[in-house]
Amino acid sequence: MKDEIVDEVRRYRSEVLQSHDWDIEKMVRALMDKQGSRGHRVVTLEKKIPQQGVAPNAYPLRGQA
């Protein structure tokens, strides 16, 4: 079964990536610049440093948070 919307999204994604030499980081930077130039707020989150010996999705024990 063909889904026209999925095909359209994939085609657009391919065009955008191709226009940025297939470099995702380059594409993201360009899109963020475009978003910022239109007056929208661009949020940059701090990089989280993983704790040694703890699973990334583990919850802290009570009293240790």
PDB file of N, CA and C in Angstrom:
ATOM      1  N   MET A   1       0.844  -1.181   0.000  1.00  0.00           N
ATOM      2  CA  MET A   1       0.000   0.000   0.000  1.00  0.00           C
ATOM      3  C   MET A   1       0.892   1.249   0.000  1.00  0.00           C
ATOM      4  N   LYS A   2       0.636   2.148  -0.913  1.00  0.00           N
ATOM      5  CA  LYS A   2       1.401   3.381  -1.017  1.00  0.00           C
ATOM      6  C   LYS A   2       0.714   4.488  -0.224  1.00  0.00           C
ATOM      7  N   ASP A   3       1.517   5.220   0.513  1.00  0.00           N
ATOM      8  CA  ASP A   3       0.998   6.336   1.284  1.00  0.00           C
ATOM      9  C   ASP A   3       1.570   7.620   0.672  1.00  0.00           C
ATOM     10  N   GLU A   4       0.706   8.431   0.087  1.00  0.00           N
ATOM     11  CA  GLU A   4       1.148   9.639  -0.613  1.00  0.00           C
ATOM     12  C   GLU A   4       1.809  10.642   0.326  1.00  0.00           C
ATOM     13  N   ILE A   5       1.321  10.746   1.550  1.00  0.00           N
ATOM     14  CA  ILE A   5       1.884  11.706   2.504  1.00  0.00           C
ATOM     15  C   ILE A   5       3.298  11.294   2.890  1.00  0.00           C
ATOM     16  N   VAL A   6       3.492  10.010   3.174  1.00  0.00           N
ATOM     17  CA  VAL A   6       4.829   9.514   3.518  1.00  0.00           C
ATOM     18  C   VAL A   6       5.779   9.733   2.353  1.00  0.00           C
ATOM     19  N   ASP A   7       5.341   9.452   1.153  1.00  0.00           N
ATOM     20  CA  ASP A   7       6.175   9.670  -0.035  1.00  0.00           C
ATOM     21  C   ASP A   7       6.555  11.142  -0.175  1.00  0.00           C
ATOM     22  N   GLU A   8       5.603  12.026   0.070  1.00  0.00           N
ATOM     23  CA  GLU A   8       5.867  13.458  -0.039  1.00  0.00           C
ATOM     24  C   GLU A   8       6.876  13.910   1.012  1.00  0.00           C
ATOM     25  N   VAL A   9       6.725  13.444   2.247  1.00  0.00           N
ATOM     26  CA  VAL A   9       7.655  13.812   3.316  1.00  0.00           C
ATOM     27  C   VAL A   9       9.057  13.301   2.995  1.00  0.00           C
ATOM     28  N   ARG A  10       9.152  12.071   2.541  1.00  0.00           N
ATOM     29  CA  ARG A  10      10.462  11.506   2.190  1.00  0.00           C
ATOM     30  C   ARG A  10      11.107  12.254   1.032  1.00  0.00           C
ATOM     31  N   ARG A  11      10.307  12.640   0.055  1.00  0.00           N
ATOM     32  CA  ARG A  11      10.823  13.381  -1.094  1.00  0.00           C
ATOM     33  C   ARG A  11      11.340  14.755  -0.635  1.00  0.00           C
ATOM     34  N   TYR A  12      10.565  15.434   0.209  1.00  0.00           N
ATOM     35  CA  TYR A  12      10.975  16.749   0.704  1.00  0.00           C
ATOM     36  C   TYR A  12      12.250  16.626   1.552  1.00  0.00           C
ATOM     37  N   ARG A  13      12.296  15.610   2.428  1.00  0.00           N
ATOM     38  CA  ARG A  13      13.472  15.405   3.270  1.00  0.00           C
ATOM     39  C   ARG A  13      14.708  15.179   2.404  1.00  0.00           C
ATOM     40  N   SER A  14      14.561  14.396   1.367  1.00  0.00           N
ATOM     41  CA  SER A  14      15.680  14.123   0.472  1.00  0.00           C
ATOM     42  C   SER A  14      16.150  15.400  -0.217  1.00  0.00           C
ATOM     43  N   GLU A  15      15.224  16.223  -0.661  1.00  0.00           N
ATOM     44  CA  GLU A  15      15.579  17.490  -1.322  1.00  0.00           C
ATOM     45  C   GLU A  15      16.321  18.417  -0.365  1.00  0.00           C
ATOM     46  N   VAL A  16      15.827  18.508   0.878  1.00  0.00           N
ATOM     47  CA  VAL A  16      16.463  19.391   1.861  1.00  0.00           C
ATOM     48  C   VAL A  16      17.862  18.893   2.192  1.00  0.00           C
ATOM     49  N   LEU A  17      17.999  17.602   2.439  1.00  0.00           N
ATOM     50  CA  LEU A  17      19.319  17.051   2.748  1.00  0.00           C
ATOM     51  C   LEU A  17      20.281  17.215   1.571  1.00  0.00           C
ATOM     52  N   GLN A  18      19.794  16.993   0.372  1.00  0.00           N
ATOM     53  CA  GLN A  18      20.645  17.138  -0.801  1.00  0.00           C
ATOM     54  C   GLN A  18      21.132  18.580  -0.939  1.00  0.00           C
ATOM     55  N   SER A  19      20.270  19.534  -0.618  1.00  0.00           N
ATOM     56  CA  SER A  19      20.662  20.946  -0.719  1.00  0.00           C
ATOM     57  C   SER A  19      21.710  21.332   0.325  1.00  0.00           C
ATOM     58  N   HIS A  20      21.901  20.481   1.344  1.00  0.00           N
ATOM     59  CA  HIS A  20      22.916  20.724   2.372  1.00  0.00           C
ATOM     60  C   HIS A  20      24.018  19.663   2.312  1.00  0.00           C
ATOM     61  N   ASP A  21      24.256  19.125   1.121  1.00  0.00           N
ATOM     62  CA  ASP A  21      25.326  18.152   0.872  1.00  0.00           C
ATOM     63  C   ASP A  21      25.197  16.916   1.762  1.00  0.00           C
ATOM     64  N   TRP A  22      23.986  16.504   2.073  1.00  0.00           N
ATOM     65  CA  TRP A  22      23.680  15.306   2.860  1.00  0.00           C
ATOM     66  C   TRP A  22      24.278  15.365   4.264  1.00  0.00           C
ATOM     67  N   ASP A  23      24.516  16.574   4.775  1.00  0.00           N
ATOM     68  CA  ASP A  23      25.092  16.772   6.107  1.00  0.00           C
ATOM     69  C   ASP A  23      23.970  17.213   7.050  1.00  0.00           C
ATOM     70  N   ILE A  24      23.575  16.333   7.955  1.00  0.00           N
ATOM     71  CA  ILE A  24      22.442  16.625   8.840  1.00  0.00           C
ATOM     72  C   ILE A  24      22.743  17.802   9.755  1.00  0.00           C
ATOM     73  N   GLU A  25      23.954  17.862  10.314  1.00  0.00           N
ATOM     74  CA  GLU A  25      24.302  18.978  11.206  1.00  0.00           C
ATOM     75  C   GLU A  25      24.239  20.309  10.466  1.00  0.00           C
ATOM     76  N   LYS A  26      24.713  20.336   9.248  1.00  0.00           N
ATOM     77  CA  LYS A  26      24.678  21.547   8.420  1.00  0.00           C
ATOM     78  C   LYS A  26      23.221  21.955   8.159  1.00  0.00           C
ATOM     79  N   MET A  27      22.367  20.952   7.903  1.00  0.00           N
ATOM     80  CA  MET A  27      20.958  21.219   7.650  1.00  0.00           C
ATOM     81  C   MET A  27      20.276  21.789   8.900  1.00  0.00           C
ATOM     82  N   VAL A  28      20.556  21.196  10.056  1.00  0.00           N
ATOM     83  CA  VAL A  28      19.933  21.658  11.298  1.00  0.00           C
ATOM     84  C   VAL A  28      20.358  23.091  11.606  1.00  0.00           C
ATOM     85  N   ARG A  29      21.652  23.386  11.451  1.00  0.00           N
ATOM     86  CA  ARG A  29      22.127  24.763  11.698  1.00  0.00           C
ATOM     87  C   ARG A  29      21.419  25.750  10.774  1.00  0.00           C
ATOM     88  N   ALA A  30      21.278  25.389   9.506  1.00  0.00           N
ATOM     89  CA  ALA A  30      20.621  26.280   8.543  1.00  0.00           C
ATOM     90  C   ALA A  30      19.155  26.486   8.909  1.00  0.00           C
ATOM     91  N   LEU A  31      18.485  25.415   9.317  1.00  0.00           N
ATOM     92  CA  LEU A  31      17.075  25.547   9.695  1.00  0.00           C
ATOM     93  C   LEU A  31      16.912  26.376  10.966  1.00  0.00           C
ATOM     94  N   MET A  32      17.838  26.229  11.925  1.00  0.00           N
ATOM     95  CA  MET A  32      17.769  27.043  13.146  1.00  0.00           C
ATOM     96  C   MET A  32      18.025  28.515  12.825  1.00  0.00           C
ATOM     97  N   ASP A  33      18.973  28.782  11.928  1.00  0.00           N
ATOM     98  CA  ASP A  33      19.225  30.167  11.512  1.00  0.00           C
ATOM     99  C   ASP A  33      17.986  30.755  10.854  1.00  0.00           C
ATOM    100  N   LYS A  34      17.354  29.965  10.010  1.00  0.00           N
ATOM    101  CA  LYS A  34      16.139  30.414   9.324  1.00  0.00           C
ATOM    102  C   LYS A  34      15.031  30.693  10.339  1.00  0.00           C
ATOM    103  N   GLN A  35      14.889  29.817  11.319  1.00  0.00           N
ATOM    104  CA  GLN A  35      13.872  29.997  12.349  1.00  0.00           C
ATOM    105  C   GLN A  35      14.145  31.267  13.153  1.00  0.00           C
ATOM    106  N   GLY A  36      15.406  31.501  13.525  1.00  0.00           N
ATOM    107  CA  GLY A  36      15.755  32.678  14.305  1.00  0.00           C
ATOM    108  C   GLY A  36      15.575  33.959  13.524  1.00  0.00           C
ATOM    109  N   SER A  37      15.799  33.913  12.215  1.00  0.00           N
ATOM    110  CA  SER A  37      15.685  35.117  11.400  1.00  0.00           C
ATOM    111  C   SER A  37      14.232  35.551  11.203  1.00  0.00           C
ATOM    112  N   ARG A  38      13.304  34.659  11.498  1.00  0.00           N
ATOM    113  CA  ARG A  38      11.885  34.989  11.349  1.00  0.00           C
ATOM    114  C   ARG A  38      11.260  35.452  12.654  1.00  0.00           C
ATOM    115  N   GLY A  39      12.087  35.687  13.667  1.00  0.00           N
ATOM    116  CA  GLY A  39      11.583  36.213  14.925  1.00  0.00           C
ATOM    117  C   GLY A  39      11.130  35.153  15.912  1.00  0.00           C
ATOM    118  N   HIS A  40      11.289  33.885  15.569  1.00  0.00           N
ATOM    119  CA  HIS A  40      10.921  32.824  16.502  1.00  0.00           C
ATOM    120  C   HIS A  40      12.056  32.618  17.495  1.00  0.00           C
ATOM    121  N   ARG A  41      11.701  32.217  18.699  1.00  0.00           N
ATOM    122  CA  ARG A  41      12.705  31.951  19.719  1.00  0.00           C
ATOM    123  C   ARG A  41      13.344  30.589  19.446  1.00  0.00           C
ATOM    124  N   VAL A  42      14.672  30.559  19.423  1.00  0.00           N
ATOM    125  CA  VAL A  42      15.403  29.316  19.221  1.00  0.00           C
ATOM    126  C   VAL A  42      15.998  28.918  20.559  1.00  0.00           C
ATOM    127  N   VAL A  43      15.682  27.721  21.018  1.00  0.00           N
ATOM    128  CA  VAL A  43      16.155  27.241  22.310  1.00  0.00           C
ATOM    129  C   VAL A  43      17.327  26.302  22.104  1.00  0.00           C
ATOM    130  N   THR A  44      18.403  26.540  22.822  1.00  0.00           N
ATOM    131  CA  THR A  44      19.551  25.652  22.789  1.00  0.00           C
ATOM    132  C   THR A  44      19.696  25.045  24.177  1.00  0.00           C
ATOM    133  N   LEU A  45      19.591  23.729  24.254  1.00  0.00           N
ATOM    134  CA  LEU A  45      19.683  23.052  25.533  1.00  0.00           C
ATOM    135  C   LEU A  45      21.131  22.716  25.847  1.00  0.00           C
ATOM    136  N   GLU A  46      21.445  22.718  27.158  1.00  0.00           N
ATOM    137  CA  GLU A  46      22.789  22.352  27.569  1.00  0.00           C
ATOM    138  C   GLU A  46      22.996  20.864  27.360  1.00  0.00           C
ATOM    139  N   LYS A  47      24.218  20.496  27.027  1.00  0.00           N
ATOM    140  CA  LYS A  47      24.531  19.089  26.843  1.00  0.00           C
ATOM    141  C   LYS A  47      24.583  18.414  28.209  1.00  0.00           C
ATOM    142  N   LYS A  48      23.875  17.308  28.347  1.00  0.00           N
ATOM    143  CA  LYS A  48      23.870  16.578  29.607  1.00  0.00           C
ATOM    144  C   LYS A  48      25.060  15.635  29.646  1.00  0.00           C
ATOM    145  N   ILE A  49      25.728  15.604  30.788  1.00  0.00           N
ATOM    146  CA  ILE A  49      26.865  14.718  30.974  1.00  0.00           C
ATOM    147  C   ILE A  49      26.364  13.466  31.689  1.00  0.00           C
ATOM    148  N   PRO A  50      26.521  12.300  31.064  1.00  0.00           N
ATOM    149  CA  PRO A  50      26.015  11.072  31.688  1.00  0.00           C
ATOM    150  C   PRO A  50      26.792  10.723  32.947  1.00  0.00           C
ATOM    151  N   GLN A  51      26.083  10.187  33.928  1.00  0.00           N
ATOM    152  CA  GLN A  51      26.726   9.757  35.166  1.00  0.00           C
ATOM    153  C   GLN A  51      27.328   8.375  34.953  1.00  0.00           C
ATOM    154  N   GLN A  52      28.494   8.139  35.519  1.00  0.00           N
ATOM    155  CA  GLN A  52      29.157   6.846  35.396  1.00  0.00           C
ATOM    156  C   GLN A  52      28.384   5.782  36.176  1.00  0.00           C
ATOM    157  N   GLY A  53      28.188   4.636  35.578  1.00  0.00           N
ATOM    158  CA  GLY A  53      27.579   3.513  36.271  1.00  0.00           C
ATOM    159  C   GLY A  53      26.081   3.594  36.441  1.00  0.00           C
ATOM    160  N   VAL A  54      25.446   4.545  35.783  1.00  0.00           N
ATOM    161  CA  VAL A  54      23.999   4.704  35.909  1.00  0.00           C
ATOM    162  C   VAL A  54      23.383   4.628  34.514  1.00  0.00           C
ATOM    163  N   ALA A  55      22.318   3.848  34.405  1.00  0.00           N
ATOM    164  CA  ALA A  55      21.614   3.771  33.126  1.00  0.00           C
ATOM    165  C   ALA A  55      21.042   5.145  32.802  1.00  0.00           C
ATOM    166  N   PRO A  56      21.034   5.563  31.523  1.00  0.00           N
ATOM    167  CA  PRO A  56      20.575   6.908  31.171  1.00  0.00           C
ATOM    168  C   PRO A  56      19.110   7.176  31.496  1.00  0.00           C
ATOM    169  N   ASN A  57      18.308   6.133  31.646  1.00  0.00           N
ATOM    170  CA  ASN A  57      16.898   6.355  31.938  1.00  0.00           C
ATOM    171  C   ASN A  57      16.546   5.973  33.370  1.00  0.00           C
ATOM    172  N   ALA A  58      17.555   5.752  34.224  1.00  0.00           N
ATOM    173  CA  ALA A  58      17.300   5.342  35.607  1.00  0.00           C
ATOM    174  C   ALA A  58      16.845   6.537  36.437  1.00  0.00           C
ATOM    175  N   TYR A  59      15.932   6.283  37.333  1.00  0.00           N
ATOM    176  CA  TYR A  59      15.472   7.306  38.256  1.00  0.00           C
ATOM    177  C   TYR A  59      16.335   7.272  39.505  1.00  0.00           C
ATOM    178  N   PRO A  60      16.618   8.435  40.110  1.00  0.00           N
ATOM    179  CA  PRO A  60      17.412   8.420  41.343  1.00  0.00           C
ATOM    180  C   PRO A  60      16.594   7.780  42.471  1.00  0.00           C
ATOM    181  N   LEU A  61      17.301   7.138  43.380  1.00  0.00           N
ATOM    182  CA  LEU A  61      16.641   6.555  44.538  1.00  0.00           C
ATOM    183  C   LEU A  61      16.114   7.655  45.440  1.00  0.00           C
ATOM    184  N   ARG A  62      15.080   7.366  46.209  1.00  0.00           N
ATOM    185  CA  ARG A  62      14.528   8.354  47.120  1.00  0.00           C
ATOM    186  C   ARG A  62      15.596   8.820  48.093  1.00  0.00           C
ATOM    187  N   GLY A  63      15.669  10.118  48.301  1.00  0.00           N
ATOM    188  CA  GLY A  63      16.648  10.685  49.213  1.00  0.00           C
ATOM    189  C   GLY A  63      17.988  10.942  48.557  1.00  0.00           C
ATOM    190  N   GLN A  64      18.189  10.521  47.319  1.00  0.00           N
ATOM    191  CA  GLN A  64      19.461  10.741  46.628  1.00  0.00           C
ATOM    192  C   GLN A  64      19.345  11.751  45.495  1.00  0.00           C
ATOM    193  N   ALA A  65      18.176  12.294  45.296  1.00  0.00           N
ATOM    194  CA  ALA A  65      17.964  13.232  44.196  1.00  0.00           C
ATOM    195  C   ALA A  65      18.497  14.596  44.518  1.00  0.00           C
TER     196      ALA A  65
END
